[in-house]
Structure formats: structure tokens, C-alpha cells
PDB file of N, CA and C in Angstrom:
ATOM      1  N   MET A   1       9.063   2.185  -2.142  1.00  0.00           N
ATOM      2  CA  MET A   1       8.084   1.390  -2.638  1.00  0.00           C
ATOM      3  C   MET A   1       8.261  -0.114  -2.386  1.00  0.00           C
ATOM      4  N   VAL A   2       9.531  -0.500  -2.595  1.00  0.00           N
ATOM      5  CA  VAL A   2       9.829  -1.876  -2.296  1.00  0.00           C
ATOM      6  C   VAL A   2       9.739  -2.261  -0.807  1.00  0.00           C
ATOM      7  N   CYS A   3      10.084  -1.391   0.025  1.00  0.00           N
ATOM      8  CA  CYS A   3       9.801  -1.713   1.500  1.00  0.00           C
ATOM      9  C   CYS A   3       8.341  -1.842   1.820  1.00  0.00           C
ATOM     10  N   SER A   4       7.563  -0.984   1.280  1.00  0.00           N
ATOM     11  CA  SER A   4       6.066  -0.949   1.570  1.00  0.00           C
ATOM     12  C   SER A   4       5.434  -2.129   1.037  1.00  0.00           C
ATOM     13  N   VAL A   5       5.851  -2.698  -0.076  1.00  0.00           N
ATOM     14  CA  VAL A   5       5.263  -3.898  -0.622  1.00  0.00           C
ATOM     15  C   VAL A   5       5.806  -5.151   0.283  1.00  0.00           C
ATOM     16  N   GLY A   6       7.042  -5.157   0.635  1.00  0.00           N
ATOM     17  CA  GLY A   6       7.542  -6.048   1.647  1.00  0.00           C
ATOM     18  C   GLY A   6       6.756  -6.088   2.852  1.00  0.00           C
ATOM     19  N   LEU A   7       6.349  -4.941   3.468  1.00  0.00           N
ATOM     20  CA  LEU A   7       5.613  -4.792   4.593  1.00  0.00           C
ATOM     21  C   LEU A   7       4.200  -5.448   4.357  1.00  0.00           C
ATOM     22  N   LEU A   8       3.613  -5.116   3.179  1.00  0.00           N
ATOM     23  CA  LEU A   8       2.400  -5.710   2.767  1.00  0.00           C
ATOM     24  C   LEU A   8       2.416  -7.204   2.819  1.00  0.00           C
ATOM     25  N   VAL A   9       3.434  -7.837   2.047  1.00  0.00           N
ATOM     26  CA  VAL A   9       3.673  -9.267   2.151  1.00  0.00           C
ATOM     27  C   VAL A   9       3.795  -9.828   3.414  1.00  0.00           C
ATOM     28  N   ILE A  10       4.598  -9.212   4.248  1.00  0.00           N
ATOM     29  CA  ILE A  10       4.821  -9.835   5.627  1.00  0.00           C
ATOM     30  C   ILE A  10       3.470  -9.797   6.407  1.00  0.00           C
ATOM     31  N   THR A  11       2.765  -8.690   6.219  1.00  0.00           N
ATOM     32  CA  THR A  11       1.374  -8.566   6.978  1.00  0.00           C
ATOM     33  C   THR A  11       0.406  -9.546   6.565  1.00  0.00           C
ATOM     34  N   GLN A  12       0.421  -9.896   5.216  1.00  0.00           N
ATOM     35  CA  GLN A  12      -0.397 -10.986   4.738  1.00  0.00           C
ATOM     36  C   GLN A  12      -0.033 -12.337   5.158  1.00  0.00           C
ATOM     37  N   LYS A  13       1.294 -12.605   5.200  1.00  0.00           N
ATOM     38  CA  LYS A  13       1.741 -13.980   5.670  1.00  0.00           C
ATOM     39  C   LYS A  13       1.464 -14.100   7.160  1.00  0.00           C
ATOM     40  N   PHE A  14       1.611 -13.076   7.886  1.00  0.00           N
ATOM     41  CA  PHE A  14       1.170 -13.174   9.444  1.00  0.00           C
ATOM     42  C   PHE A  14      -0.213 -13.352   9.539  1.00  0.00           C
ATOM     43  N   ALA A  15      -1.096 -12.708   8.821  1.00  0.00           N
ATOM     44  CA  ALA A  15      -2.432 -12.791   8.872  1.00  0.00           C
ATOM     45  C   ALA A  15      -3.045 -14.110   8.637  1.00  0.00           C
ATOM     46  N   TYR A  16      -2.463 -14.750   7.565  1.00  0.00           N
ATOM     47  CA  TYR A  16      -2.984 -15.897   7.013  1.00  0.00           C
ATOM     48  C   TYR A  16      -2.245 -17.103   7.458  1.00  0.00           C
ATOM     49  N   GLY A  17      -0.980 -17.025   7.941  1.00  0.00           N
ATOM     50  CA  GLY A  17      -0.224 -18.038   8.635  1.00  0.00           C
ATOM     51  C   GLY A  17      -0.446 -18.223  10.132  1.00  0.00           C
ATOM     52  N   MET A  18      -0.084 -17.057  10.756  1.00  0.00           N
ATOM     53  CA  MET A  18      -0.059 -17.187  12.230  1.00  0.00           C
ATOM     54  C   MET A  18      -1.488 -16.968  12.781  1.00  0.00           C
ATOM     55  N   LEU A  19      -2.341 -16.198  12.300  1.00  0.00           N
ATOM     56  CA  LEU A  19      -3.698 -16.125  12.805  1.00  0.00           C
ATOM     57  C   LEU A  19      -4.732 -17.060  12.246  1.00  0.00           C
ATOM     58  N   GLY A  20      -4.304 -17.607  11.114  1.00  0.00           N
ATOM     59  CA  GLY A  20      -5.090 -18.667  10.448  1.00  0.00           C
ATOM     60  C   GLY A  20      -6.414 -18.221   9.777  1.00  0.00           C
ATOM     61  N   LEU A  21      -6.336 -17.055   9.207  1.00  0.00           N
ATOM     62  CA  LEU A  21      -7.468 -16.412   8.436  1.00  0.00           C
ATOM     63  C   LEU A  21      -7.734 -17.394   7.153  1.00  0.00           C
ATOM     64  N   GLN A  22      -9.006 -17.530   6.920  1.00  0.00           N
ATOM     65  CA  GLN A  22      -9.390 -18.385   5.777  1.00  0.00           C
ATOM     66  C   GLN A  22      -9.932 -17.575   4.663  1.00  0.00           C
ATOM     67  N   THR A  23     -10.512 -16.450   4.865  1.00  0.00           N
ATOM     68  CA  THR A  23     -11.251 -15.623   3.941  1.00  0.00           C
ATOM     69  C   THR A  23     -10.345 -14.689   3.275  1.00  0.00           C
ATOM     70  N   PRO A  24     -10.691 -14.455   1.903  1.00  0.00           N
ATOM     71  CA  PRO A  24      -9.876 -13.549   1.157  1.00  0.00           C
ATOM     72  C   PRO A  24     -10.167 -12.113   1.380  1.00  0.00           C
ATOM     73  N   ILE A  25     -11.176 -11.910   2.118  1.00  0.00           N
ATOM     74  CA  ILE A  25     -11.638 -10.483   2.217  1.00  0.00           C
ATOM     75  C   ILE A  25     -10.607  -9.578   2.910  1.00  0.00           C
ATOM     76  N   TYR A  26      -9.821  -9.969   3.877  1.00  0.00           N
ATOM     77  CA  TYR A  26      -8.673  -9.255   4.506  1.00  0.00           C
ATOM     78  C   TYR A  26      -7.696  -8.840   3.356  1.00  0.00           C
ATOM     79  N   PHE A  27      -7.363  -9.859   2.434  1.00  0.00           N
ATOM     80  CA  PHE A  27      -6.280  -9.678   1.362  1.00  0.00           C
ATOM     81  C   PHE A  27      -6.880  -8.599   0.453  1.00  0.00           C
ATOM     82  N   ILE A  28      -8.165  -8.771  -0.066  1.00  0.00           N
ATOM     83  CA  ILE A  28      -8.691  -7.798  -0.983  1.00  0.00           C
ATOM     84  C   ILE A  28      -8.719  -6.467  -0.288  1.00  0.00           C
ATOM     85  N   PHE A  29      -9.162  -6.253   1.022  1.00  0.00           N
ATOM     86  CA  PHE A  29      -9.166  -4.944   1.697  1.00  0.00           C
ATOM     87  C   PHE A  29      -7.878  -4.358   1.843  1.00  0.00           C
ATOM     88  N   SER A  30      -6.916  -5.107   2.178  1.00  0.00           N
ATOM     89  CA  SER A  30      -5.638  -4.442   2.481  1.00  0.00           C
ATOM     90  C   SER A  30      -4.905  -4.154   1.261  1.00  0.00           C
ATOM     91  N   VAL A  31      -5.056  -4.961   0.095  1.00  0.00           N
ATOM     92  CA  VAL A  31      -4.351  -4.714  -1.164  1.00  0.00           C
ATOM     93  C   VAL A  31      -5.009  -3.412  -1.656  1.00  0.00           C
ATOM     94  N   GLY A  32      -6.321  -3.377  -1.642  1.00  0.00           N
ATOM     95  CA  GLY A  32      -7.144  -2.109  -2.047  1.00  0.00           C
ATOM     96  C   GLY A  32      -6.736  -0.851  -1.432  1.00  0.00           C
ATOM     97  N   LEU A  33      -6.526  -0.948  -0.106  1.00  0.00           N
ATOM     98  CA  LEU A  33      -6.217   0.179   0.636  1.00  0.00           C
ATOM     99  C   LEU A  33      -4.794   0.584   0.371  1.00  0.00           C
ATOM    100  N   TYR A  34      -3.851  -0.446   0.097  1.00  0.00           N
ATOM    101  CA  TYR A  34      -2.473  -0.171  -0.242  1.00  0.00           C
ATOM    102  C   TYR A  34      -2.476   0.588  -1.567  1.00  0.00           C
ATOM    103  N   ILE A  35      -3.262   0.151  -2.569  1.00  0.00           N
ATOM    104  CA  ILE A  35      -3.197   0.904  -3.809  1.00  0.00           C
ATOM    105  C   ILE A  35      -3.771   2.144  -3.809  1.00  0.00           C
ATOM    106  N   PHE A  36      -4.797   2.312  -2.951  1.00  0.00           N
ATOM    107  CA  PHE A  36      -5.342   3.824  -2.722  1.00  0.00           C
ATOM    108  C   PHE A  36      -4.384   4.718  -2.099  1.00  0.00           C
ATOM    109  N   ALA A  37      -3.764   4.305  -1.053  1.00  0.00           N
ATOM    110  CA  ALA A  37      -2.823   5.104  -0.318  1.00  0.00           C
ATOM    111  C   ALA A  37      -1.485   5.484  -1.217  1.00  0.00           C
ATOM    112  N   MET A  38      -1.001   4.496  -2.068  1.00  0.00           N
ATOM    113  CA  MET A  38       0.098   4.731  -2.923  1.00  0.00           C
ATOM    114  C   MET A  38      -0.363   5.675  -3.974  1.00  0.00           C
ATOM    115  N   ASN A  39      -1.494   5.546  -4.524  1.00  0.00           N
ATOM    116  CA  ASN A  39      -1.947   6.498  -5.512  1.00  0.00           C
ATOM    117  C   ASN A  39      -2.131   7.931  -5.012  1.00  0.00           C
ATOM    118  N   TYR A  40      -2.661   7.994  -3.858  1.00  0.00           N
ATOM    119  CA  TYR A  40      -2.696   9.339  -3.172  1.00  0.00           C
ATOM    120  C   TYR A  40      -1.483   9.924  -3.005  1.00  0.00           C
ATOM    121  N   TYR A  41      -0.494   9.148  -2.431  1.00  0.00           N
ATOM    122  CA  TYR A  41       0.941   9.638  -2.199  1.00  0.00           C
ATOM    123  C   TYR A  41       1.522  10.101  -3.388  1.00  0.00           C
ATOM    124  N   TYR A  42       1.501   9.378  -4.465  1.00  0.00           N
ATOM    125  CA  TYR A  42       2.245   9.690  -5.627  1.00  0.00           C
ATOM    126  C   TYR A  42       1.614  10.902  -6.325  1.00  0.00           C
ATOM    127  N   LYS A  43       0.199  10.978  -6.350  1.00  0.00           N
ATOM    128  CA  LYS A  43      -0.320  12.239  -6.857  1.00  0.00           C
ATOM    129  C   LYS A  43       0.119  13.452  -6.140  1.00  0.00           C
ATOM    130  N   ASN A  44       0.094  13.461  -4.943  1.00  0.00           N
ATOM    131  CA  ASN A  44       0.628  14.529  -4.091  1.00  0.00           C
ATOM    132  C   ASN A  44       2.065  14.834  -4.351  1.00  0.00           C
ATOM    133  N   HIS A  45       2.807  13.758  -4.409  1.00  0.00           N
ATOM    134  CA  HIS A  45       4.275  13.948  -4.601  1.00  0.00           C
ATOM    135  C   HIS A  45       4.554  14.566  -5.970  1.00  0.00           C
ATOM    136  N   ILE A  46       3.914  14.142  -6.993  1.00  0.00           N
ATOM    137  CA  ILE A  46       4.138  14.678  -8.380  1.00  0.00           C
ATOM    138  C   ILE A  46       3.632  16.222  -8.346  1.00  0.00           C
ATOM    139  N   LYS A  47       2.494  16.443  -7.643  1.00  0.00           N
ATOM    140  CA  LYS A  47       2.096  17.783  -7.660  1.00  0.00           C
ATOM    141  C   LYS A  47       3.122  18.743  -6.992  1.00  0.00           C
ATOM    142  N   LYS A  48       3.736  18.237  -5.910  1.00  0.00           N
ATOM    143  CA  LYS A  48       4.715  19.157  -5.185  1.00  0.00           C
ATOM    144  C   LYS A  48       5.974  19.316  -6.150  1.00  0.00           C
ATOM    145  N   LEU A  49       6.298  18.283  -6.828  1.00  0.00           N
ATOM    146  CA  LEU A  49       7.552  18.311  -7.709  1.00  0.00           C
ATOM    147  C   LEU A  49       7.168  19.360  -8.801  1.00  0.00           C
ATOM    148  N   GLN A  50       5.909  19.396  -9.393  1.00  0.00           N
ATOM    149  CA  GLN A  50       5.642  20.266 -10.544  1.00  0.00           C
ATOM    150  C   GLN A  50       5.483  21.681 -10.030  1.00  0.00           C
ATOM    151  N   GLU A  51       5.137  21.924  -8.615  1.00  0.00           N
ATOM    152  CA  GLU A  51       5.051  23.218  -8.223  1.00  0.00           C
ATOM    153  C   GLU A  51       6.502  23.846  -7.973  1.00  0.00           C
ATOM    154  N   SER A  52       7.398  22.932  -7.468  1.00  0.00           N
ATOM    155  CA  SER A  52       8.787  23.523  -7.356  1.00  0.00           C
ATOM    156  C   SER A  52       9.485  23.746  -8.617  1.00  0.00           C
ATOM    157  N   ILE A  53       9.039  23.060  -9.700  1.00  0.00           N
ATOM    158  CA  ILE A  53       9.603  23.410 -11.078  1.00  0.00           C
ATOM    159  C   ILE A  53       9.191  24.760 -11.642  1.00  0.00           C
ATOM    160  N   LYS A  54       7.953  24.948 -11.246  1.00  0.00           N
ATOM    161  CA  LYS A  54       7.331  26.272 -11.830  1.00  0.00           C
ATOM    162  C   LYS A  54       8.022  27.527 -11.062  1.00  0.00           C
ATOM    163  N   LYS A  55       8.425  27.260  -9.856  1.00  0.00           N
ATOM    164  CA  LYS A  55       8.987  28.430  -9.107  1.00  0.00           C
ATOM    165  C   LYS A  55      10.255  28.884  -9.559  1.00  0.00           C
TER     166      LYS A  55
END
């Protein structure tokens, strides 16, 4: 989790620093996509853990 947040921060710094983006749309989109992906991953991970406990 810490590594993925670090990658998100580095990507944001690159996009706004090196590429010179001025609009917050990229930030909103990328953070929203990150939250969606992490939520999906953790839901599936918890489901797999619960299935292994039941067996």
C-alpha cells in the first residue's frame, strides 16, 4: 500500500512538474481510479481470505 501511494505521488509530481499540467482533472481522475482499484483489490483479497478460513 505504501509503495502504491508513493508511485501515485511520483506520478502526480511528474505530471504537474515536468509536463506542466495546470488542470486538476488529471489529479481527480488518477486519485479516483486509485481508490477504485484499491477498493476492488481489498474486497477480493478479503473474500479469498474468508474462503480459505472456511475450508
